[in-house]
Structure formats: structure tokens, C-alpha cells
Amino acid sequence: MPCEEEMCVHFPVEIILQILRRLPVKSAVKCTAVCKTWYALIKDPAFVLTHLQAASFSSDLLLLRFATGKREFYQLRRDNDAFEEYKQFHLPFECGGFGAFRLVGTCNGLICLGDVYQDYCNIILWNPSIHKHFILPKPDFPFKSFCDSTLGFGFEPLSNDYKVLLIVAQDNKEELIEVWLFSLNMCSWTRLSEASPKHCLHAHREAAFVKGALHWIGHSNLKYWMFSHMVLAFDLSTEKFFVVNFPKTLVHFVPQMSLIKYEESIAVVAHGSFEDLDDNQLELWVMKEYGVDSSWTKVLHSIGEDGKLVFYSDLIDVFGVRKNGEVLLKVREECGKNYELATLDLNCDQQKQQLKRLGIRIDLNYSFVGNFVESLVLFDKGEQDAEGEV
């Protein structure tokens, strides 16, 4: 008896779907070889979405990326006390520009990689869990050079679509800005002529994807080389830019700053101080209630009340927050000039906080740590990877 007939006789389709939704990604992919009916069920975008929702609820994975020259390393680790390694991946393609790919962002099991330099543009969506990738077509720009580029990647749930935003400034002239949006569903770029931001962006910075919007640090140029900072956001549903106000203390802050996702809100990581530009100082400001200006709170400061550097003076950067509330940090190794991953519990008083070094070496410029979920996204699109898991 054919497989389809057996399934109809013994199990209703809904029962089969409930079973398949609970399978790990690797097992679900194997089930596509059972029969044509199962292949069609698993390939359906509606099933991919419900399978993703079930996987997201129970996922405890963190994605780590680090690079040496043009060699990039990707691994998944369990977000638990042991932080044990779960899986490693080989990157199935090489960066054509200088150094490694820019990791634009991750969302629902997809990793967006960007290799954009001058007139060269290579953007890839990669799902390492099913060993598939999708190379975006080249956008049709009216000019050949766009060195100052900003990329963002996220998911729009209303249309079940993955989108890539590309903001370019021609020949380093910040006032000449073009905005292009790629839709995976449509497999095409659209120029958003009415959506160009009225503020400058810190180019080549990763966006924080929160509440359906991409977020970057932006600024307006004032007189006497002064800046007025804000968070510039782009809603993937309305395809419009909007502004989120900065912490008042940091509005005119000059040293290096970055924006990260912090739980279901955003946070600003600020290096140095306005007065003495001491690079050893680092502050973390969290918007406790998204969209509420008064909720900006400083939750981490590497300077103690006595004005001296506290015990985690080797702190270099903040990646984000774990499910248990601890922050993930980049710190200097106790011996040597290299860097490693560490965690810190901010729920304790500063005097009781203890830095936990994880013994995982990372690089200075290309490291990434973020939440990850294995999914079937791209199962019906793109190309098969030449290489898979290690």
C-alpha cells in the first residue's frame, strides 16, 4: 500500500503534523524522504513556521562566531551552567572582500552574512542546521561606490517574510543616502525613496532586532564637532524609520558606543568617558521598558564608587544577555593579550558580583555571541551547502 494511503487510513493528517512539529530539525529533514505527502507537509511554509514556534519555546542554544584572518568558526553551545559545546559548523563559502564576513544578524535559525565593499556586494542568508544558503541578487544601484553601508536583518511576522535592509551613503557623503529593502518572499530589492533617514548612522555596525524593528545608533551633527545621539529604528512591517531617545547622559557622549538586544528591549554599551576618554571605562545602559525614555537605567559600570576600576577592569565589550539574566562579556585573558568569553550576574550588588570566565577564546574584531534556534527556514529555497557539520 502506498505511503499516502497508509497515512490516511491509520493517522489523520493533523496527528501526523503534531508529531512532525515536535521532531528535531535533523529528524524532520529525514522524514521528507518517507513519501511525497510528508515531503509536501514539511516543506509547506505554514509547517515551517509552526515547527519554528515549537522549537523556539524550548531552545537553549547560543551561537558563537570567531575568526582568524579569513577563516571563520561557528559553533553552538548550550545556554546552561556547563556551557557545553553542542555542534560546530564549517562556513561553506569564502569572503571575497577583506577579512571575514560581517555578521549582519541572526533570526529564526538564519544567519545573515554581508560582504559589502565599494562596488562589491555579496549578502547571504545561511541556515547551518539544514546546510542550505541563499545568495541575494545584487541590488541595482545607480552608482558604483558605496563604502559607507549599513545592513540589517529581521523577520516580519505579518507576511511571514525575512527582510534585509541596506542603507548606503555615496562617496562618504552622509546627506546622499539610499535605502533598499530585500524581501525573501519576493526575492527582490525595492528602493524606499520616501524612507531615507534624516540622521547619520554609525556605518558597519550590527543592528539590534527588537519588537519587529531594526535599531542602530544614529546622530545629528551639531556645531563645534558636537553630536546629538539617538537610536534610529526601522519597522519592517510599516517600512518606516522612527527615533527612540537616547539616555540623557549619553546624548552628547563622544567615545565608542554600540547597541545590542537586551532581552526584549535594547541597551547601549559605552566605552570611555567624556572627560578623559579613558578606554578602560565601560557602561551598560538598558531601556528597562521598551519605548519609555524614563526607563533607561545604568546597570553596569566598570568604575567603582571610589573612582577606581573594579575587579572586572579587563572587560572589553558586552554581547547580550543569557536566559538566566547573566550578561555575556568579552574580557581580556588573565595571562596574555588574547580575549575570552565571560559572564556576570547583574542581579547581585556590585560588591558581590563575580566574573565567571568560561575559558572560550574569542577574537577582538569578528566575534559574535547570540541566541539561536535550529529551524527549517530556507528548506524550500536556496542552494545546498558544499560542507556541513564538523
Protein backbone atom coordinates (compact mmCIF):
# COMPACT_ATOMS: atom_id res chain seq x y z
CA MET A 1 0.00 0.00 0.00
CA PRO A 2 1.42 3.45 -0.87
CA CYS A 3 2.65 5.59 1.99
CA GLU A 4 -0.02 8.27 1.40
CA GLU A 5 -2.83 5.72 1.65
CA GLU A 6 -1.38 4.17 4.80
CA MET A 7 -1.18 7.57 6.43
CA CYS A 8 -4.79 8.39 5.55
CA VAL A 9 -6.04 5.02 6.85
CA HIS A 10 -4.13 4.89 10.12
CA PHE A 11 -3.45 8.52 11.10
CA PRO A 12 -5.28 11.76 10.33
CA VAL A 13 -3.06 14.40 8.77
CA GLU A 14 -3.39 16.61 11.84
CA ILE A 15 -1.97 13.85 14.06
CA ILE A 16 0.96 13.42 11.68
CA LEU A 17 1.57 17.18 11.75
CA GLN A 18 1.55 17.27 15.54
CA ILE A 19 4.18 14.53 15.63
CA LEU A 20 6.35 16.15 12.96
CA ARG A 21 6.24 19.55 14.68
CA ARG A 22 7.87 18.06 17.76
CA LEU A 23 10.79 16.49 15.91
CA PRO A 24 14.29 18.00 15.92
CA VAL A 25 15.30 19.64 12.65
CA LYS A 26 17.58 16.79 11.61
CA SER A 27 14.83 14.20 12.13
CA ALA A 28 12.25 16.33 10.32
CA VAL A 29 14.53 16.59 7.29
CA LYS A 30 14.95 12.80 7.24
CA CYS A 31 11.16 12.40 7.30
CA THR A 32 10.87 14.21 3.98
CA ALA A 33 12.26 11.06 2.35
CA VAL A 34 9.42 8.87 3.69
CA CYS A 35 6.94 9.81 0.97
CA LYS A 36 5.77 12.68 -1.22
CA THR A 37 2.97 13.60 1.18
CA TRP A 38 5.31 14.03 4.11
CA TYR A 39 7.74 15.98 1.93
CA ALA A 40 4.96 18.37 0.91
CA LEU A 41 3.77 18.76 4.53
CA ILE A 42 7.23 19.57 5.90
CA LYS A 43 8.11 21.88 3.01
CA ASP A 44 4.95 23.96 3.45
CA PRO A 45 5.72 27.46 4.86
CA ALA A 46 2.91 27.11 7.41
CA PHE A 47 4.51 23.96 8.81
CA VAL A 48 7.97 25.55 8.84
CA LEU A 49 6.53 28.40 10.91
CA THR A 50 4.71 26.20 13.45
CA HIS A 51 7.77 23.94 13.77
CA LEU A 52 9.87 27.06 14.42
CA GLN A 53 7.46 28.29 17.10
CA ALA A 54 7.66 24.96 18.92
CA ALA A 55 11.46 24.87 18.67
CA SER A 56 11.84 28.48 19.87
CA PHE A 57 9.92 27.70 23.05
CA SER A 58 12.41 25.06 24.17
CA SER A 59 15.66 26.22 22.54
CA ASP A 60 18.63 26.74 24.85
CA LEU A 61 21.32 27.38 22.24
CA LEU A 62 23.85 30.16 21.81
CA LEU A 63 25.68 30.80 18.55
CA LEU A 64 29.38 31.71 18.76
CA ARG A 65 31.32 33.10 15.81
CA PHE A 66 35.00 33.97 15.79
CA ALA A 67 37.54 34.38 13.01
CA THR A 68 41.25 34.23 12.28
CA GLY A 69 42.05 36.12 9.11
CA LYS A 70 39.56 34.80 6.56
CA ARG A 71 38.91 31.58 8.49
CA GLU A 72 35.60 31.72 10.30
CA PHE A 73 34.44 29.34 13.02
CA TYR A 74 30.84 28.77 14.08
CA GLN A 75 29.65 26.68 16.99
CA LEU A 76 26.52 26.14 19.05
CA ARG A 77 26.71 25.84 22.84
CA ARG A 78 24.11 25.04 25.46
CA ASP A 79 23.00 28.06 27.45
CA ASN A 80 23.44 26.30 30.80
CA ASP A 81 25.93 26.24 33.68
CA ALA A 82 28.31 23.91 31.85
CA PHE A 83 28.10 25.90 28.59
CA GLU A 84 28.97 22.68 26.77
CA GLU A 85 29.53 22.54 23.04
CA TYR A 86 26.58 21.17 21.05
CA LYS A 87 27.68 21.44 17.43
CA GLN A 88 30.22 23.05 15.08
CA PHE A 89 29.74 24.27 11.52
CA HIS A 90 32.01 24.91 8.57
CA LEU A 91 31.26 28.08 6.61
CA PRO A 92 30.57 26.75 3.08
CA PHE A 93 31.76 29.90 1.26
CA GLU A 94 34.57 32.44 1.48
CA CYS A 95 34.51 36.17 1.95
CA GLY A 96 35.53 37.93 -1.25
CA GLY A 97 36.49 41.20 0.43
CA PHE A 98 38.90 41.99 3.24
CA GLY A 99 38.88 39.91 6.41
CA ALA A 100 35.79 37.94 7.40
CA PHE A 101 32.12 38.32 6.60
CA ARG A 102 30.20 40.93 8.52
CA LEU A 103 27.66 39.04 10.63
CA VAL A 104 24.62 41.21 10.00
CA GLY A 105 22.33 39.33 12.39
CA THR A 106 20.61 36.07 13.22
CA CYS A 107 16.89 35.36 13.27
CA ASN A 108 14.88 32.12 13.50
CA GLY A 109 17.83 29.91 12.64
CA LEU A 110 19.07 32.07 9.74
CA ILE A 111 22.43 33.82 9.78
CA CYS A 112 22.78 36.87 7.55
CA LEU A 113 26.32 37.49 6.32
CA GLY A 114 27.41 40.61 4.46
CA ASP A 115 30.45 41.22 2.30
CA VAL A 116 29.93 44.76 1.03
CA TYR A 117 32.84 46.91 -0.09
CA GLN A 118 32.87 49.68 -2.71
CA ASP A 119 31.15 48.23 -5.81
CA TYR A 120 31.23 44.67 -4.44
CA CYS A 121 28.07 43.42 -2.76
CA ASN A 122 27.61 39.85 -1.54
CA ILE A 123 24.87 39.15 1.02
CA ILE A 124 23.99 35.60 2.07
CA LEU A 125 21.28 34.03 4.20
CA TRP A 126 22.55 30.78 5.72
CA ASN A 127 20.78 28.06 7.69
CA PRO A 128 23.58 25.82 9.02
CA SER A 129 21.11 23.43 10.66
CA ILE A 130 19.83 22.18 7.28
CA HIS A 131 23.02 23.06 5.35
CA LYS A 132 21.36 25.48 2.95
CA HIS A 133 22.09 29.05 1.92
CA PHE A 134 20.53 31.71 -0.26
CA ILE A 135 22.65 34.29 -2.10
CA LEU A 136 20.79 37.56 -2.52
CA PRO A 137 20.70 39.07 -6.01
CA LYS A 138 22.75 42.22 -6.44
CA PRO A 139 20.73 45.41 -5.87
CA ASP A 140 20.53 47.72 -8.89
CA PHE A 141 22.29 50.79 -7.54
CA PRO A 142 22.58 53.94 -9.67
CA PHE A 143 26.18 54.43 -8.51
CA LYS A 144 29.22 52.16 -8.25
CA SER A 145 30.72 53.02 -4.89
CA PHE A 146 29.03 52.73 -1.52
CA CYS A 147 31.81 52.31 1.03
CA ASP A 148 29.64 53.55 3.90
CA SER A 149 26.98 50.89 4.19
CA THR A 150 24.71 49.74 6.99
CA LEU A 151 22.90 46.40 6.93
CA GLY A 152 20.06 44.99 9.00
CA PHE A 153 18.23 41.66 9.01
CA GLY A 154 14.98 40.54 10.60
CA PHE A 155 11.64 38.75 10.34
CA GLU A 156 8.27 40.32 9.53
CA PRO A 157 5.60 38.00 11.05
CA LEU A 158 2.52 39.50 9.35
CA SER A 159 3.78 38.40 5.94
CA ASN A 160 5.98 35.56 7.23
CA ASP A 161 8.87 37.19 5.39
CA TYR A 162 12.57 37.69 6.05
CA LYS A 163 13.94 41.08 5.06
CA VAL A 164 17.36 42.67 4.63
CA LEU A 165 17.75 46.44 4.84
CA LEU A 166 20.69 48.14 3.12
CA ILE A 167 21.43 51.81 3.79
CA VAL A 168 24.20 53.36 1.72
CA ALA A 169 25.92 56.75 1.70
CA GLN A 170 27.55 57.59 -1.64
CA ASP A 171 31.23 58.53 -1.56
CA ASN A 172 31.19 59.19 2.18
CA LYS A 173 28.62 61.98 1.72
CA GLU A 174 26.22 61.32 4.54
CA GLU A 175 23.48 63.52 3.10
CA LEU A 176 23.21 61.33 -0.03
CA ILE A 177 21.51 58.30 1.47
CA GLU A 178 19.73 55.48 -0.32
CA VAL A 179 17.61 52.83 1.38
CA TRP A 180 16.96 49.42 -0.18
CA LEU A 181 14.87 46.58 1.23
CA PHE A 182 15.12 42.93 0.18
CA SER A 183 12.17 40.56 0.62
CA LEU A 184 12.88 36.82 0.67
CA ASN A 185 9.26 36.08 -0.29
CA MET A 186 9.50 38.31 -3.36
CA CYS A 187 13.20 37.54 -3.97
CA SER A 188 13.81 41.15 -4.98
CA TRP A 189 15.09 44.53 -3.80
CA THR A 190 12.90 47.63 -3.51
CA ARG A 191 14.22 51.17 -3.25
CA LEU A 192 12.44 53.04 -0.45
CA SER A 193 12.63 56.58 -1.77
CA GLU A 194 10.41 58.08 0.95
CA ALA A 195 12.03 56.25 3.86
CA SER A 196 15.52 57.78 3.86
CA PRO A 197 16.59 58.63 7.42
CA LYS A 198 17.19 62.25 8.38
CA HIS A 199 20.06 61.30 10.67
CA CYS A 200 23.53 59.85 10.18
CA LEU A 201 24.31 56.26 11.13
CA HIS A 202 27.45 54.68 12.53
CA ALA A 203 28.34 52.62 9.45
CA HIS A 204 29.19 48.90 9.53
CA ARG A 205 27.51 48.36 12.92
CA GLU A 206 25.30 45.40 13.70
CA ALA A 207 21.61 46.20 14.17
CA ALA A 208 19.62 45.13 17.23
CA PHE A 209 16.42 43.44 16.06
CA VAL A 210 13.74 44.01 18.72
CA LYS A 211 9.94 44.27 18.58
CA GLY A 212 9.88 43.81 14.81
CA ALA A 213 12.28 46.70 14.20
CA LEU A 214 15.97 47.14 13.42
CA HIS A 215 17.85 49.54 15.71
CA TRP A 216 21.14 51.41 15.26
CA ILE A 217 22.88 54.31 16.95
CA GLY A 218 22.34 57.48 14.92
CA HIS A 219 23.36 61.08 15.37
CA SER A 220 22.78 64.61 14.17
CA ASN A 221 25.76 66.86 13.57
CA LEU A 222 25.81 69.99 15.72
CA LYS A 223 28.20 72.94 15.76
CA TYR A 224 31.78 72.71 17.05
CA TRP A 225 32.12 68.97 16.29
CA MET A 226 29.34 68.07 18.70
CA PHE A 227 26.92 65.20 18.16
CA SER A 228 23.39 64.59 19.31
CA HIS A 229 22.84 60.83 19.56
CA MET A 230 19.64 58.85 19.30
CA VAL A 231 18.51 55.34 18.43
CA LEU A 232 17.38 55.20 14.80
CA ALA A 233 14.97 52.31 14.16
CA PHE A 234 13.27 50.83 11.11
CA ASP A 235 9.96 48.98 11.40
CA LEU A 236 9.95 46.02 8.99
CA SER A 237 6.14 45.98 8.89
CA THR A 238 5.42 49.65 8.13
CA GLU A 239 8.80 50.10 6.36
CA LYS A 240 9.26 53.43 8.12
CA PHE A 241 12.06 54.89 10.25
CA PHE A 242 11.42 56.19 13.76
CA VAL A 243 13.54 57.56 16.62
CA VAL A 244 13.99 56.22 20.14
CA ASN A 245 15.52 58.76 22.52
CA PHE A 246 18.97 58.10 23.99
CA PRO A 247 19.88 58.08 27.70
CA LYS A 248 20.29 61.77 28.53
CA THR A 249 23.77 61.20 29.95
CA LEU A 250 24.96 59.79 26.62
CA VAL A 251 23.26 62.12 24.13
CA HIS A 252 26.47 64.13 23.58
CA PHE A 253 28.83 61.28 24.52
CA VAL A 254 31.82 61.16 22.16
CA PRO A 255 33.68 57.83 22.65
CA GLN A 256 32.78 54.50 21.08
CA MET A 257 29.25 53.17 21.57
CA SER A 258 27.31 50.16 20.34
CA LEU A 259 23.71 48.99 20.54
CA ILE A 260 22.66 45.46 21.50
CA LYS A 261 19.49 43.49 22.09
CA TYR A 262 18.84 43.03 25.80
CA GLU A 263 16.05 40.53 26.46
CA GLU A 264 13.04 42.13 24.67
CA SER A 265 14.50 45.63 24.70
CA ILE A 266 17.68 47.49 23.74
CA ALA A 267 20.85 48.51 25.55
CA VAL A 268 23.74 50.91 24.87
CA VAL A 269 27.34 49.88 25.54
CA ALA A 270 29.52 52.98 26.05
CA HIS A 271 33.33 52.89 26.18
CA GLY A 272 35.48 55.62 27.73
CA SER A 273 34.36 58.83 29.39
CA PHE A 274 33.51 62.26 28.01
CA GLU A 275 36.07 64.00 30.24
CA ASP A 276 39.24 61.92 29.86
CA LEU A 277 38.46 59.38 27.15
CA ASP A 278 39.67 56.57 29.43
CA ASP A 279 39.15 53.45 27.32
CA ASN A 280 39.22 51.28 30.44
CA GLN A 281 35.79 52.55 31.42
CA LEU A 282 32.65 50.81 30.21
CA GLU A 283 28.99 51.41 30.94
CA LEU A 284 25.87 49.43 30.04
CA TRP A 285 22.56 51.29 29.84
CA VAL A 286 19.36 49.24 29.47
CA MET A 287 15.95 50.51 28.39
CA LYS A 288 14.03 48.56 31.03
CA GLU A 289 10.67 49.26 29.35
CA TYR A 290 10.96 49.46 25.59
CA GLY A 291 9.91 52.84 24.20
CA VAL A 292 9.79 54.56 27.61
CA ASP A 293 12.55 57.20 27.81
CA SER A 294 12.50 57.37 31.60
CA SER A 295 13.27 53.65 31.87
CA TRP A 296 16.90 53.98 30.72
CA THR A 297 18.98 52.54 33.58
CA LYS A 298 22.73 52.15 34.04
CA VAL A 299 23.17 48.52 35.11
CA LEU A 300 26.93 48.13 34.70
CA HIS A 301 29.85 50.48 35.30
CA SER A 302 33.49 49.44 35.40
CA ILE A 303 34.30 52.30 37.79
CA GLY A 304 33.52 51.77 41.47
CA GLU A 305 32.18 54.37 43.89
CA ASP A 306 35.76 55.14 44.99
CA GLY A 307 36.66 56.10 41.43
CA LYS A 308 38.87 53.06 40.86
CA LEU A 309 38.47 50.29 38.32
CA VAL A 310 36.60 47.35 39.82
CA PHE A 311 37.70 43.72 39.55
CA TYR A 312 36.37 43.30 36.01
CA SER A 313 38.58 46.04 34.61
CA ASP A 314 39.56 43.65 31.83
CA LEU A 315 36.05 43.99 30.42
CA ILE A 316 36.17 44.84 26.70
CA ASP A 317 32.60 44.54 25.43
CA VAL A 318 29.08 43.26 26.13
CA PHE A 319 27.43 40.76 23.77
CA GLY A 320 23.99 40.42 25.31
CA VAL A 321 22.09 38.57 28.00
CA ARG A 322 21.57 34.87 28.71
CA LYS A 323 18.24 33.26 29.59
CA ASN A 324 19.23 33.23 33.28
CA GLY A 325 19.77 37.00 33.24
CA GLU A 326 23.57 36.97 33.23
CA VAL A 327 25.30 39.20 30.71
CA LEU A 328 27.77 37.76 28.19
CA LEU A 329 31.04 39.65 28.11
CA LYS A 330 34.26 39.87 26.14
CA VAL A 331 37.21 40.15 28.54
CA ARG A 332 40.99 40.01 28.39
CA GLU A 333 42.53 36.71 29.39
CA GLU A 334 44.21 36.75 32.78
CA CYS A 335 47.51 35.92 31.10
CA GLY A 336 48.38 37.12 27.64
CA LYS A 337 46.90 39.55 25.14
CA ASN A 338 44.03 37.40 23.88
CA TYR A 339 40.34 37.59 24.71
CA GLU A 340 37.82 35.16 26.16
CA LEU A 341 34.13 34.84 26.96
CA ALA A 342 32.81 35.51 30.46
CA THR A 343 29.50 36.02 32.27
CA LEU A 344 28.41 38.33 35.06
CA ASP A 345 25.28 38.31 37.22
CA LEU A 346 24.00 41.89 37.41
CA ASN A 347 21.24 40.97 39.86
CA CYS A 348 23.80 40.99 42.69
CA ASP A 349 25.22 44.09 44.38
CA GLN A 350 28.39 45.29 42.71
CA GLN A 351 30.45 44.23 45.73
CA LYS A 352 29.14 40.65 45.39
CA GLN A 353 29.35 40.34 41.62
CA GLN A 354 31.76 37.67 40.43
CA LEU A 355 33.12 37.44 36.92
CA LYS A 356 32.91 33.88 35.59
CA ARG A 357 35.49 33.16 32.91
CA LEU A 358 34.33 30.41 30.54
CA GLY A 359 37.73 29.57 29.05
CA ILE A 360 36.46 30.08 25.49
CA ARG A 361 38.91 32.14 23.44
CA ILE A 362 37.42 34.66 21.02
CA ASP A 363 38.91 37.28 18.70
CA LEU A 364 38.77 41.03 19.07
CA ASN A 365 37.06 42.20 15.88
CA TYR A 366 34.89 39.42 14.44
CA SER A 367 33.44 37.68 17.49
CA PHE A 368 29.70 37.24 17.94
CA VAL A 369 27.58 35.58 20.63
CA GLY A 370 23.78 35.45 20.47
CA ASN A 371 20.71 33.31 21.00
CA PHE A 372 19.99 30.73 18.30
CA VAL A 373 17.27 28.25 17.38
CA GLU A 374 17.54 25.42 14.87
CA SER A 375 14.87 25.68 12.19
CA LEU A 376 13.68 24.56 8.75
CA VAL A 377 13.69 28.08 7.28
CA LEU A 378 15.11 28.02 3.71
CA PHE A 379 14.12 24.36 3.30
CA ASP A 380 12.27 25.22 0.08
CA LYS A 381 14.74 27.87 -1.13
CA GLY A 382 18.39 28.39 -1.88
CA GLU A 383 21.24 26.00 -2.52
CA GLN A 384 22.67 23.04 -0.64
CA ASP A 385 25.93 23.71 1.23
CA ALA A 386 29.07 22.04 -0.05
CA GLU A 387 30.05 21.22 3.53
CA GLY A 388 28.05 20.53 6.67
CA GLU A 389 28.75 19.88 10.32
CA VAL A 390 32.21 19.19 11.65
